[in-house]
Amino acid sequence: MKAIKSFIIIIVFSSFLTSCTTDINEYSNSTPVFKLEQFFNGKVSGYGLVTGFNDEVVRRFVVDIEAKWNGNEGVLDEYFVYDDGEKQFRQWRITKTSDNSYVGKADDIIGKATGEQAGSVLIWQYSMLLPVDGDTYEVSFDDTMALIDDKRMLNSAKIYKFGLNVANVILFFEKH
C-alpha cells in the first residue's frame, strides 16, 4: 500500500512539473523577432535580482556583457557585481545550430545549455554549479527571454533543485 501511495504522489508531482513547461511555438507570431546573435553583439548591461521560493529579495546585481560573433559562433563575457560586493565572471561560448536553435557552454555549466527561439522569445535551459554561502549546488535554470524592442530585453529565470523551484531571477538587459 505504501508503494502505491508513493507511486501516485510521484505521478501527480511529475504531471504538475511538466504542465508548467511553456511551448516555445506559442510565441511564433510575436514581434519583434529575437535573435540572440543580434541582441548580444557588442556591449549590453543588465540589472537584476534573485528571489527565494517565497519571493523575498535575496540578492541584487548588475552585469556588463561584452559579446562578439564570428559567423555562427559567439562569445559572451559576463562581468557580475552583486550588492554584497562579490564579483563573478562567466564566459559563454555559444553556437547557433539552426535558424532558431542554440547551444552554449561555460565553465560552471554542466554539459550544454540549449536555446530555442520563436518570435520575440528565447527559452534557454541548462544545469549549473551554483556557489551559495561557501557551498556549491547543482541546479537547473529555465530562462525565458523576451525582447521588448531592439535595445531592451527581459529575462525571467526559474532555478530548480530536485525538480522544485527554489529561486527566481528577474533581469533587465539594455543594449548600448
N, C-alpha and C. Protein backbone atom coordinates (compact mmCIF):
# COMPACT_ATOMS: atom_id res chain seq x y z
N MET A 1 0.81 -1.19 0.00
CA MET A 1 0.00 0.00 0.00
C MET A 1 0.86 1.26 0.00
N LYS A 2 1.94 1.24 0.81
CA LYS A 2 2.84 2.39 0.89
C LYS A 2 3.48 2.66 -0.48
N ALA A 3 3.85 1.60 -1.20
CA ALA A 3 4.46 1.75 -2.53
C ALA A 3 3.48 2.37 -3.50
N ILE A 4 2.21 2.01 -3.42
CA ILE A 4 1.19 2.58 -4.32
C ILE A 4 1.01 4.06 -4.05
N LYS A 5 0.96 4.45 -2.75
CA LYS A 5 0.83 5.87 -2.40
C LYS A 5 2.02 6.66 -2.93
N SER A 6 3.21 6.12 -2.76
CA SER A 6 4.42 6.81 -3.25
C SER A 6 4.37 6.96 -4.77
N PHE A 7 3.94 5.92 -5.46
CA PHE A 7 3.84 5.98 -6.91
C PHE A 7 2.85 7.05 -7.35
N ILE A 8 1.70 7.12 -6.69
CA ILE A 8 0.68 8.13 -7.03
C ILE A 8 1.22 9.53 -6.79
N ILE A 9 1.90 9.74 -5.68
CA ILE A 9 2.48 11.06 -5.39
C ILE A 9 3.49 11.44 -6.46
N ILE A 10 4.33 10.51 -6.88
CA ILE A 10 5.33 10.79 -7.92
C ILE A 10 4.64 11.15 -9.23
N ILE A 11 3.60 10.41 -9.63
CA ILE A 11 2.88 10.69 -10.87
C ILE A 11 2.23 12.07 -10.83
N VAL A 12 1.55 12.40 -9.73
CA VAL A 12 0.89 13.70 -9.60
C VAL A 12 1.93 14.82 -9.63
N PHE A 13 3.02 14.66 -8.88
CA PHE A 13 4.07 15.68 -8.84
C PHE A 13 4.71 15.86 -10.21
N SER A 14 4.99 14.77 -10.91
CA SER A 14 5.60 14.84 -12.24
C SER A 14 4.68 15.52 -13.24
N SER A 15 3.39 15.22 -13.19
CA SER A 15 2.45 15.85 -14.12
C SER A 15 2.33 17.35 -13.83
N PHE A 16 2.44 17.73 -12.54
CA PHE A 16 2.42 19.15 -12.20
C PHE A 16 3.63 19.86 -12.79
N LEU A 17 4.81 19.26 -12.66
CA LEU A 17 6.02 19.89 -13.19
C LEU A 17 5.98 20.02 -14.70
N THR A 18 5.54 18.99 -15.40
CA THR A 18 5.53 19.07 -16.86
C THR A 18 4.43 19.99 -17.36
N SER A 19 3.36 20.20 -16.58
CA SER A 19 2.31 21.10 -17.02
C SER A 19 2.75 22.55 -16.96
N CYS A 20 3.86 22.84 -16.26
CA CYS A 20 4.34 24.21 -16.13
C CYS A 20 5.24 24.62 -17.29
N THR A 21 5.62 23.70 -18.15
CA THR A 21 6.53 23.99 -19.24
C THR A 21 5.79 24.72 -20.37
N THR A 22 6.39 25.81 -20.86
CA THR A 22 5.78 26.59 -21.93
C THR A 22 6.28 26.06 -23.27
N ASP A 23 5.38 25.96 -24.23
CA ASP A 23 5.73 25.56 -25.58
C ASP A 23 6.23 26.80 -26.33
N ILE A 24 7.47 26.76 -26.78
CA ILE A 24 8.08 27.90 -27.46
C ILE A 24 7.27 28.35 -28.67
N ASN A 25 6.59 27.44 -29.33
CA ASN A 25 5.83 27.78 -30.53
C ASN A 25 4.66 28.72 -30.25
N GLU A 26 4.26 28.85 -28.99
CA GLU A 26 3.21 29.80 -28.63
C GLU A 26 3.61 31.24 -28.98
N TYR A 27 4.90 31.49 -29.13
CA TYR A 27 5.40 32.85 -29.38
C TYR A 27 5.73 33.12 -30.85
N SER A 28 5.45 32.19 -31.72
CA SER A 28 5.86 32.28 -33.13
C SER A 28 5.48 33.59 -33.81
N ASN A 29 4.31 34.14 -33.49
CA ASN A 29 3.84 35.34 -34.17
C ASN A 29 4.16 36.63 -33.42
N SER A 30 4.86 36.53 -32.29
CA SER A 30 5.17 37.74 -31.51
C SER A 30 6.34 38.49 -32.14
N THR A 31 6.29 39.80 -32.03
CA THR A 31 7.35 40.66 -32.56
C THR A 31 7.77 41.65 -31.48
N PRO A 32 8.96 42.23 -31.60
CA PRO A 32 9.98 42.00 -32.63
C PRO A 32 10.63 40.62 -32.47
N VAL A 33 11.19 40.11 -33.55
CA VAL A 33 11.84 38.80 -33.53
C VAL A 33 13.17 38.90 -32.79
N PHE A 34 13.37 38.00 -31.83
CA PHE A 34 14.58 37.98 -31.01
C PHE A 34 15.60 37.04 -31.63
N LYS A 35 16.74 37.58 -31.98
CA LYS A 35 17.87 36.78 -32.45
C LYS A 35 19.01 37.02 -31.47
N LEU A 36 19.41 35.97 -30.78
CA LEU A 36 20.45 36.05 -29.76
C LEU A 36 21.71 36.71 -30.29
N GLU A 37 22.12 36.33 -31.50
CA GLU A 37 23.36 36.85 -32.08
C GLU A 37 23.28 38.33 -32.46
N GLN A 38 22.10 38.87 -32.57
CA GLN A 38 21.94 40.30 -32.85
C GLN A 38 21.88 41.11 -31.56
N PHE A 39 21.08 40.63 -30.59
CA PHE A 39 20.95 41.38 -29.34
C PHE A 39 22.26 41.34 -28.54
N PHE A 40 22.82 40.15 -28.37
CA PHE A 40 24.07 40.02 -27.63
C PHE A 40 25.25 40.10 -28.59
N ASN A 41 25.44 41.28 -29.14
CA ASN A 41 26.57 41.57 -30.01
C ASN A 41 26.99 42.99 -29.68
N GLY A 42 28.18 43.15 -29.11
CA GLY A 42 28.60 44.46 -28.62
C GLY A 42 28.42 44.51 -27.11
N LYS A 43 28.18 45.73 -26.60
CA LYS A 43 28.05 45.91 -25.14
C LYS A 43 26.58 45.90 -24.73
N VAL A 44 26.32 45.15 -23.66
CA VAL A 44 24.98 45.03 -23.10
C VAL A 44 25.12 45.14 -21.58
N SER A 45 24.21 45.89 -20.95
CA SER A 45 24.18 45.98 -19.49
C SER A 45 22.92 45.31 -18.97
N GLY A 46 23.04 44.73 -17.77
CA GLY A 46 21.89 44.08 -17.15
C GLY A 46 21.78 44.46 -15.69
N TYR A 47 20.55 44.44 -15.20
CA TYR A 47 20.24 44.79 -13.82
C TYR A 47 19.25 43.75 -13.32
N GLY A 48 19.54 43.10 -12.19
CA GLY A 48 18.64 42.04 -11.79
C GLY A 48 18.59 41.80 -10.31
N LEU A 49 17.71 40.87 -9.97
CA LEU A 49 17.59 40.44 -8.59
C LEU A 49 17.24 38.96 -8.55
N VAL A 50 17.65 38.36 -7.44
CA VAL A 50 17.36 36.95 -7.18
C VAL A 50 16.35 36.93 -6.03
N THR A 51 15.28 36.15 -6.21
CA THR A 51 14.31 35.99 -5.13
C THR A 51 14.29 34.53 -4.71
N GLY A 52 13.97 34.32 -3.45
CA GLY A 52 13.81 32.96 -2.95
C GLY A 52 12.48 32.39 -3.40
N PHE A 53 12.22 31.14 -3.03
CA PHE A 53 10.97 30.49 -3.43
C PHE A 53 9.75 31.22 -2.89
N ASN A 54 9.93 32.01 -1.81
CA ASN A 54 8.82 32.76 -1.22
C ASN A 54 8.78 34.22 -1.70
N ASP A 55 9.52 34.52 -2.76
CA ASP A 55 9.56 35.84 -3.41
C ASP A 55 10.31 36.92 -2.63
N GLU A 56 10.98 36.58 -1.53
CA GLU A 56 11.77 37.59 -0.84
C GLU A 56 13.03 37.87 -1.67
N VAL A 57 13.45 39.13 -1.72
CA VAL A 57 14.65 39.50 -2.46
C VAL A 57 15.87 39.01 -1.69
N VAL A 58 16.67 38.17 -2.36
CA VAL A 58 17.84 37.57 -1.73
C VAL A 58 19.11 38.32 -2.12
N ARG A 59 19.18 38.73 -3.39
CA ARG A 59 20.38 39.40 -3.91
C ARG A 59 20.01 40.32 -5.05
N ARG A 60 20.81 41.37 -5.21
CA ARG A 60 20.67 42.26 -6.36
C ARG A 60 22.03 42.31 -7.06
N PHE A 61 22.02 42.59 -8.36
CA PHE A 61 23.28 42.60 -9.10
C PHE A 61 23.17 43.43 -10.36
N VAL A 62 24.34 43.78 -10.87
CA VAL A 62 24.47 44.36 -12.21
C VAL A 62 25.41 43.46 -12.99
N VAL A 63 25.25 43.45 -14.30
CA VAL A 63 26.13 42.66 -15.15
C VAL A 63 26.44 43.47 -16.41
N ASP A 64 27.70 43.51 -16.76
CA ASP A 64 28.14 44.13 -18.02
C ASP A 64 28.61 43.00 -18.92
N ILE A 65 28.14 43.03 -20.16
CA ILE A 65 28.44 41.96 -21.11
C ILE A 65 29.13 42.55 -22.33
N GLU A 66 30.19 41.89 -22.73
CA GLU A 66 30.87 42.20 -23.99
C GLU A 66 30.73 40.96 -24.86
N ALA A 67 30.08 41.12 -26.00
CA ALA A 67 29.78 39.96 -26.85
C ALA A 67 30.23 40.20 -28.27
N LYS A 68 30.68 39.12 -28.90
CA LYS A 68 31.06 39.22 -30.32
C LYS A 68 30.77 37.89 -31.00
N TRP A 69 30.45 37.97 -32.25
CA TRP A 69 30.12 36.80 -33.06
C TRP A 69 31.00 36.72 -34.28
N ASN A 70 31.35 35.50 -34.65
CA ASN A 70 32.06 35.22 -35.88
C ASN A 70 31.27 34.12 -36.57
N GLY A 71 30.43 34.49 -37.53
CA GLY A 71 29.54 33.52 -38.16
C GLY A 71 28.53 33.02 -37.16
N ASN A 72 28.47 31.70 -36.98
CA ASN A 72 27.53 31.10 -36.03
C ASN A 72 28.11 30.87 -34.64
N GLU A 73 29.32 31.39 -34.39
CA GLU A 73 29.99 31.21 -33.10
C GLU A 73 30.05 32.53 -32.35
N GLY A 74 29.58 32.53 -31.11
CA GLY A 74 29.59 33.74 -30.29
C GLY A 74 30.28 33.53 -28.97
N VAL A 75 30.87 34.61 -28.44
CA VAL A 75 31.48 34.62 -27.12
C VAL A 75 30.88 35.79 -26.34
N LEU A 76 30.31 35.47 -25.17
CA LEU A 76 29.73 36.49 -24.30
C LEU A 76 30.51 36.49 -23.00
N ASP A 77 31.20 37.59 -22.71
CA ASP A 77 31.92 37.75 -21.45
C ASP A 77 31.02 38.53 -20.50
N GLU A 78 30.66 37.89 -19.37
CA GLU A 78 29.75 38.49 -18.40
C GLU A 78 30.53 38.85 -17.13
N TYR A 79 30.40 40.12 -16.70
CA TYR A 79 31.06 40.62 -15.50
C TYR A 79 29.98 41.03 -14.49
N PHE A 80 29.78 40.21 -13.46
CA PHE A 80 28.75 40.45 -12.46
C PHE A 80 29.33 41.17 -11.25
N VAL A 81 28.55 42.09 -10.67
CA VAL A 81 28.85 42.70 -9.37
C VAL A 81 27.57 42.63 -8.55
N TYR A 82 27.65 41.96 -7.39
CA TYR A 82 26.49 41.77 -6.52
C TYR A 82 26.44 42.85 -5.45
N ASP A 83 25.28 43.01 -4.84
CA ASP A 83 25.08 44.06 -3.83
C ASP A 83 25.96 43.89 -2.60
N ASP A 84 26.50 42.70 -2.35
CA ASP A 84 27.40 42.50 -1.23
C ASP A 84 28.86 42.69 -1.62
N GLY A 85 29.11 43.13 -2.87
CA GLY A 85 30.46 43.39 -3.35
C GLY A 85 31.12 42.23 -4.08
N GLU A 86 30.51 41.05 -4.03
CA GLU A 86 31.09 39.90 -4.74
C GLU A 86 31.12 40.17 -6.24
N LYS A 87 32.21 39.75 -6.87
CA LYS A 87 32.35 39.86 -8.32
C LYS A 87 32.46 38.46 -8.90
N GLN A 88 31.91 38.30 -10.09
CA GLN A 88 31.91 36.99 -10.74
C GLN A 88 32.07 37.19 -12.24
N PHE A 89 32.78 36.28 -12.87
CA PHE A 89 32.96 36.31 -14.34
C PHE A 89 32.48 35.00 -14.92
N ARG A 90 31.78 35.08 -16.04
CA ARG A 90 31.38 33.88 -16.79
C ARG A 90 31.58 34.18 -18.27
N GLN A 91 32.14 33.22 -18.98
CA GLN A 91 32.25 33.34 -20.42
C GLN A 91 31.41 32.26 -21.08
N TRP A 92 30.41 32.70 -21.82
CA TRP A 92 29.59 31.79 -22.61
C TRP A 92 30.20 31.63 -23.98
N ARG A 93 30.27 30.41 -24.48
CA ARG A 93 30.66 30.11 -25.85
C ARG A 93 29.43 29.49 -26.50
N ILE A 94 28.84 30.22 -27.43
CA ILE A 94 27.54 29.84 -27.98
C ILE A 94 27.66 29.55 -29.47
N THR A 95 26.95 28.51 -29.89
CA THR A 95 26.89 28.15 -31.31
C THR A 95 25.44 28.19 -31.76
N LYS A 96 25.20 28.87 -32.86
CA LYS A 96 23.87 28.85 -33.47
C LYS A 96 23.81 27.58 -34.32
N THR A 97 22.91 26.66 -33.98
CA THR A 97 22.88 25.35 -34.65
C THR A 97 21.84 25.28 -35.77
N SER A 98 20.87 26.20 -35.76
CA SER A 98 19.88 26.32 -36.83
C SER A 98 19.29 27.72 -36.73
N ASP A 99 18.31 28.03 -37.57
CA ASP A 99 17.71 29.37 -37.54
C ASP A 99 17.19 29.73 -36.16
N ASN A 100 16.69 28.76 -35.40
CA ASN A 100 16.04 29.05 -34.13
C ASN A 100 16.60 28.28 -32.95
N SER A 101 17.79 27.70 -33.09
CA SER A 101 18.35 26.88 -32.01
C SER A 101 19.80 27.27 -31.72
N TYR A 102 20.14 27.15 -30.43
CA TYR A 102 21.49 27.49 -29.97
C TYR A 102 21.93 26.47 -28.94
N VAL A 103 23.24 26.27 -28.82
CA VAL A 103 23.83 25.53 -27.71
C VAL A 103 24.94 26.39 -27.13
N GLY A 104 25.16 26.24 -25.83
CA GLY A 104 26.18 27.05 -25.18
C GLY A 104 26.91 26.28 -24.11
N LYS A 105 28.12 26.74 -23.83
CA LYS A 105 28.96 26.16 -22.79
C LYS A 105 29.59 27.29 -21.99
N ALA A 106 29.84 27.00 -20.71
CA ALA A 106 30.60 27.89 -19.83
C ALA A 106 31.23 27.00 -18.77
N ASP A 107 32.24 27.51 -18.09
CA ASP A 107 32.98 26.68 -17.15
C ASP A 107 32.13 26.13 -16.01
N ASP A 108 31.11 26.86 -15.56
CA ASP A 108 30.28 26.39 -14.46
C ASP A 108 28.98 25.73 -14.93
N ILE A 109 28.85 25.52 -16.23
CA ILE A 109 27.68 24.87 -16.79
C ILE A 109 27.97 23.38 -16.95
N ILE A 110 27.02 22.56 -16.53
CA ILE A 110 27.16 21.11 -16.63
C ILE A 110 26.62 20.70 -18.00
N GLY A 111 27.46 20.10 -18.81
CA GLY A 111 27.04 19.72 -20.15
C GLY A 111 26.85 20.96 -21.02
N LYS A 112 25.74 21.00 -21.76
CA LYS A 112 25.47 22.11 -22.67
C LYS A 112 24.16 22.79 -22.31
N ALA A 113 24.13 24.09 -22.51
CA ALA A 113 22.88 24.84 -22.44
C ALA A 113 22.22 24.73 -23.80
N THR A 114 20.90 24.73 -23.82
CA THR A 114 20.19 24.69 -25.09
C THR A 114 19.20 25.85 -25.14
N GLY A 115 19.06 26.42 -26.33
CA GLY A 115 18.13 27.52 -26.51
C GLY A 115 17.28 27.33 -27.74
N GLU A 116 16.00 27.64 -27.61
CA GLU A 116 15.05 27.60 -28.73
C GLU A 116 14.37 28.95 -28.81
N GLN A 117 14.28 29.50 -30.01
CA GLN A 117 13.71 30.82 -30.22
C GLN A 117 12.48 30.72 -31.11
N ALA A 118 11.47 31.53 -30.79
CA ALA A 118 10.29 31.70 -31.65
C ALA A 118 9.78 33.11 -31.42
N GLY A 119 9.58 33.87 -32.49
CA GLY A 119 9.10 35.24 -32.36
C GLY A 119 10.02 36.06 -31.47
N SER A 120 9.45 36.73 -30.48
CA SER A 120 10.22 37.62 -29.61
C SER A 120 10.82 36.92 -28.39
N VAL A 121 10.71 35.59 -28.32
CA VAL A 121 11.10 34.85 -27.11
C VAL A 121 12.18 33.81 -27.41
N LEU A 122 13.09 33.67 -26.45
CA LEU A 122 14.09 32.60 -26.47
C LEU A 122 14.01 31.89 -25.13
N ILE A 123 13.89 30.58 -25.15
CA ILE A 123 13.92 29.78 -23.92
C ILE A 123 15.29 29.11 -23.85
N TRP A 124 16.00 29.36 -22.76
CA TRP A 124 17.39 28.93 -22.55
C TRP A 124 17.41 28.05 -21.31
N GLN A 125 17.86 26.79 -21.44
CA GLN A 125 17.84 25.85 -20.33
C GLN A 125 19.21 25.22 -20.12
N TYR A 126 19.57 25.05 -18.84
CA TYR A 126 20.88 24.48 -18.54
C TYR A 126 20.95 24.08 -17.07
N SER A 127 21.95 23.25 -16.77
CA SER A 127 22.29 22.89 -15.39
C SER A 127 23.60 23.58 -15.05
N MET A 128 23.72 23.95 -13.79
CA MET A 128 24.85 24.79 -13.39
C MET A 128 25.33 24.42 -12.00
N LEU A 129 26.62 24.62 -11.75
CA LEU A 129 27.19 24.52 -10.41
C LEU A 129 27.11 25.92 -9.81
N LEU A 130 26.22 26.11 -8.83
CA LEU A 130 25.93 27.43 -8.27
C LEU A 130 26.53 27.56 -6.88
N PRO A 131 27.48 28.51 -6.70
CA PRO A 131 28.04 28.71 -5.36
C PRO A 131 27.07 29.52 -4.48
N VAL A 132 26.83 29.02 -3.27
CA VAL A 132 25.96 29.70 -2.31
C VAL A 132 26.57 29.56 -0.92
N ASP A 133 26.96 30.68 -0.32
CA ASP A 133 27.48 30.70 1.05
C ASP A 133 28.58 29.67 1.29
N GLY A 134 29.53 29.58 0.38
CA GLY A 134 30.67 28.69 0.56
C GLY A 134 30.46 27.26 0.08
N ASP A 135 29.24 26.90 -0.26
CA ASP A 135 28.95 25.57 -0.81
C ASP A 135 28.60 25.72 -2.29
N THR A 136 28.65 24.61 -3.02
CA THR A 136 28.28 24.61 -4.43
C THR A 136 27.17 23.59 -4.64
N TYR A 137 26.12 24.02 -5.35
CA TYR A 137 24.95 23.17 -5.59
C TYR A 137 24.74 23.01 -7.09
N GLU A 138 24.33 21.81 -7.47
CA GLU A 138 23.94 21.58 -8.85
C GLU A 138 22.46 21.93 -8.98
N VAL A 139 22.16 22.90 -9.82
CA VAL A 139 20.78 23.35 -10.02
C VAL A 139 20.52 23.43 -11.52
N SER A 140 19.26 23.54 -11.87
CA SER A 140 18.93 23.75 -13.29
C SER A 140 18.19 25.07 -13.43
N PHE A 141 18.44 25.72 -14.55
CA PHE A 141 17.82 27.01 -14.87
C PHE A 141 16.89 26.84 -16.06
N ASP A 142 15.80 27.55 -16.02
CA ASP A 142 14.85 27.61 -17.12
C ASP A 142 14.58 29.10 -17.35
N ASP A 143 15.29 29.68 -18.33
CA ASP A 143 15.19 31.11 -18.63
C ASP A 143 14.21 31.36 -19.76
N THR A 144 13.39 32.38 -19.62
CA THR A 144 12.55 32.86 -20.70
C THR A 144 12.96 34.30 -20.97
N MET A 145 13.55 34.53 -22.14
CA MET A 145 13.99 35.87 -22.54
C MET A 145 12.99 36.43 -23.54
N ALA A 146 12.51 37.64 -23.29
CA ALA A 146 11.52 38.27 -24.17
C ALA A 146 12.04 39.63 -24.62
N LEU A 147 12.19 39.79 -25.91
CA LEU A 147 12.66 41.04 -26.49
C LEU A 147 11.53 42.07 -26.41
N ILE A 148 11.83 43.23 -25.85
CA ILE A 148 10.85 44.31 -25.75
C ILE A 148 10.92 45.17 -27.01
N ASP A 149 12.13 45.57 -27.37
CA ASP A 149 12.41 46.28 -28.62
C ASP A 149 13.86 45.98 -28.98
N ASP A 150 14.41 46.63 -29.99
CA ASP A 150 15.76 46.25 -30.43
C ASP A 150 16.86 46.59 -29.42
N LYS A 151 16.55 47.32 -28.35
CA LYS A 151 17.54 47.70 -27.34
C LYS A 151 17.27 47.13 -25.95
N ARG A 152 16.09 46.55 -25.70
CA ARG A 152 15.71 46.12 -24.35
C ARG A 152 15.14 44.70 -24.36
N MET A 153 15.48 43.95 -23.30
CA MET A 153 15.00 42.57 -23.18
C MET A 153 14.82 42.24 -21.70
N LEU A 154 13.78 41.47 -21.40
CA LEU A 154 13.54 40.98 -20.05
C LEU A 154 13.80 39.48 -20.00
N ASN A 155 14.43 39.05 -18.91
CA ASN A 155 14.73 37.63 -18.71
C ASN A 155 14.15 37.23 -17.36
N SER A 156 13.32 36.21 -17.38
CA SER A 156 12.77 35.63 -16.16
C SER A 156 13.29 34.20 -16.07
N ALA A 157 13.98 33.90 -14.99
CA ALA A 157 14.57 32.55 -14.84
C ALA A 157 14.04 31.88 -13.59
N LYS A 158 13.78 30.61 -13.71
CA LYS A 158 13.40 29.78 -12.57
C LYS A 158 14.59 28.85 -12.28
N ILE A 159 14.94 28.73 -11.01
CA ILE A 159 16.03 27.87 -10.59
C ILE A 159 15.43 26.67 -9.86
N TYR A 160 15.83 25.46 -10.29
CA TYR A 160 15.27 24.23 -9.73
C TYR A 160 16.36 23.39 -9.08
N LYS A 161 15.98 22.74 -7.99
CA LYS A 161 16.81 21.74 -7.32
C LYS A 161 15.90 20.57 -7.00
N PHE A 162 16.25 19.37 -7.44
CA PHE A 162 15.42 18.17 -7.28
C PHE A 162 14.02 18.38 -7.86
N GLY A 163 13.93 19.18 -8.94
CA GLY A 163 12.65 19.42 -9.58
C GLY A 163 11.78 20.46 -8.91
N LEU A 164 12.24 21.04 -7.81
CA LEU A 164 11.46 22.05 -7.10
C LEU A 164 12.01 23.44 -7.40
N ASN A 165 11.13 24.39 -7.60
CA ASN A 165 11.53 25.79 -7.84
C ASN A 165 12.02 26.38 -6.52
N VAL A 166 13.35 26.61 -6.43
CA VAL A 166 13.94 27.10 -5.18
C VAL A 166 14.26 28.59 -5.21
N ALA A 167 14.33 29.18 -6.41
CA ALA A 167 14.64 30.61 -6.52
C ALA A 167 14.27 31.08 -7.92
N ASN A 168 14.26 32.40 -8.09
CA ASN A 168 13.94 33.01 -9.38
C ASN A 168 14.88 34.18 -9.61
N VAL A 169 15.10 34.49 -10.88
CA VAL A 169 15.91 35.63 -11.25
C VAL A 169 15.10 36.48 -12.21
N ILE A 170 15.06 37.78 -11.96
CA ILE A 170 14.44 38.73 -12.87
C ILE A 170 15.56 39.65 -13.32
N LEU A 171 15.69 39.80 -14.63
CA LEU A 171 16.83 40.52 -15.19
C LEU A 171 16.41 41.36 -16.37
N PHE A 172 16.79 42.63 -16.34
CA PHE A 172 16.52 43.55 -17.44
C PHE A 172 17.83 43.82 -18.17
N PHE A 173 17.84 43.64 -19.49
CA PHE A 173 19.03 43.90 -20.31
C PHE A 173 18.80 45.11 -21.20
N GLU A 174 19.86 45.88 -21.38
CA GLU A 174 19.80 47.02 -22.29
C GLU A 174 21.06 47.04 -23.15
N LYS A 175 20.85 47.09 -24.46
CA LYS A 175 21.94 47.08 -25.43
C LYS A 175 22.44 48.51 -25.62
N HIS A 176 23.77 48.67 -25.70
CA HIS A 176 24.36 50.00 -25.91
C HIS A 176 24.55 50.28 -27.38
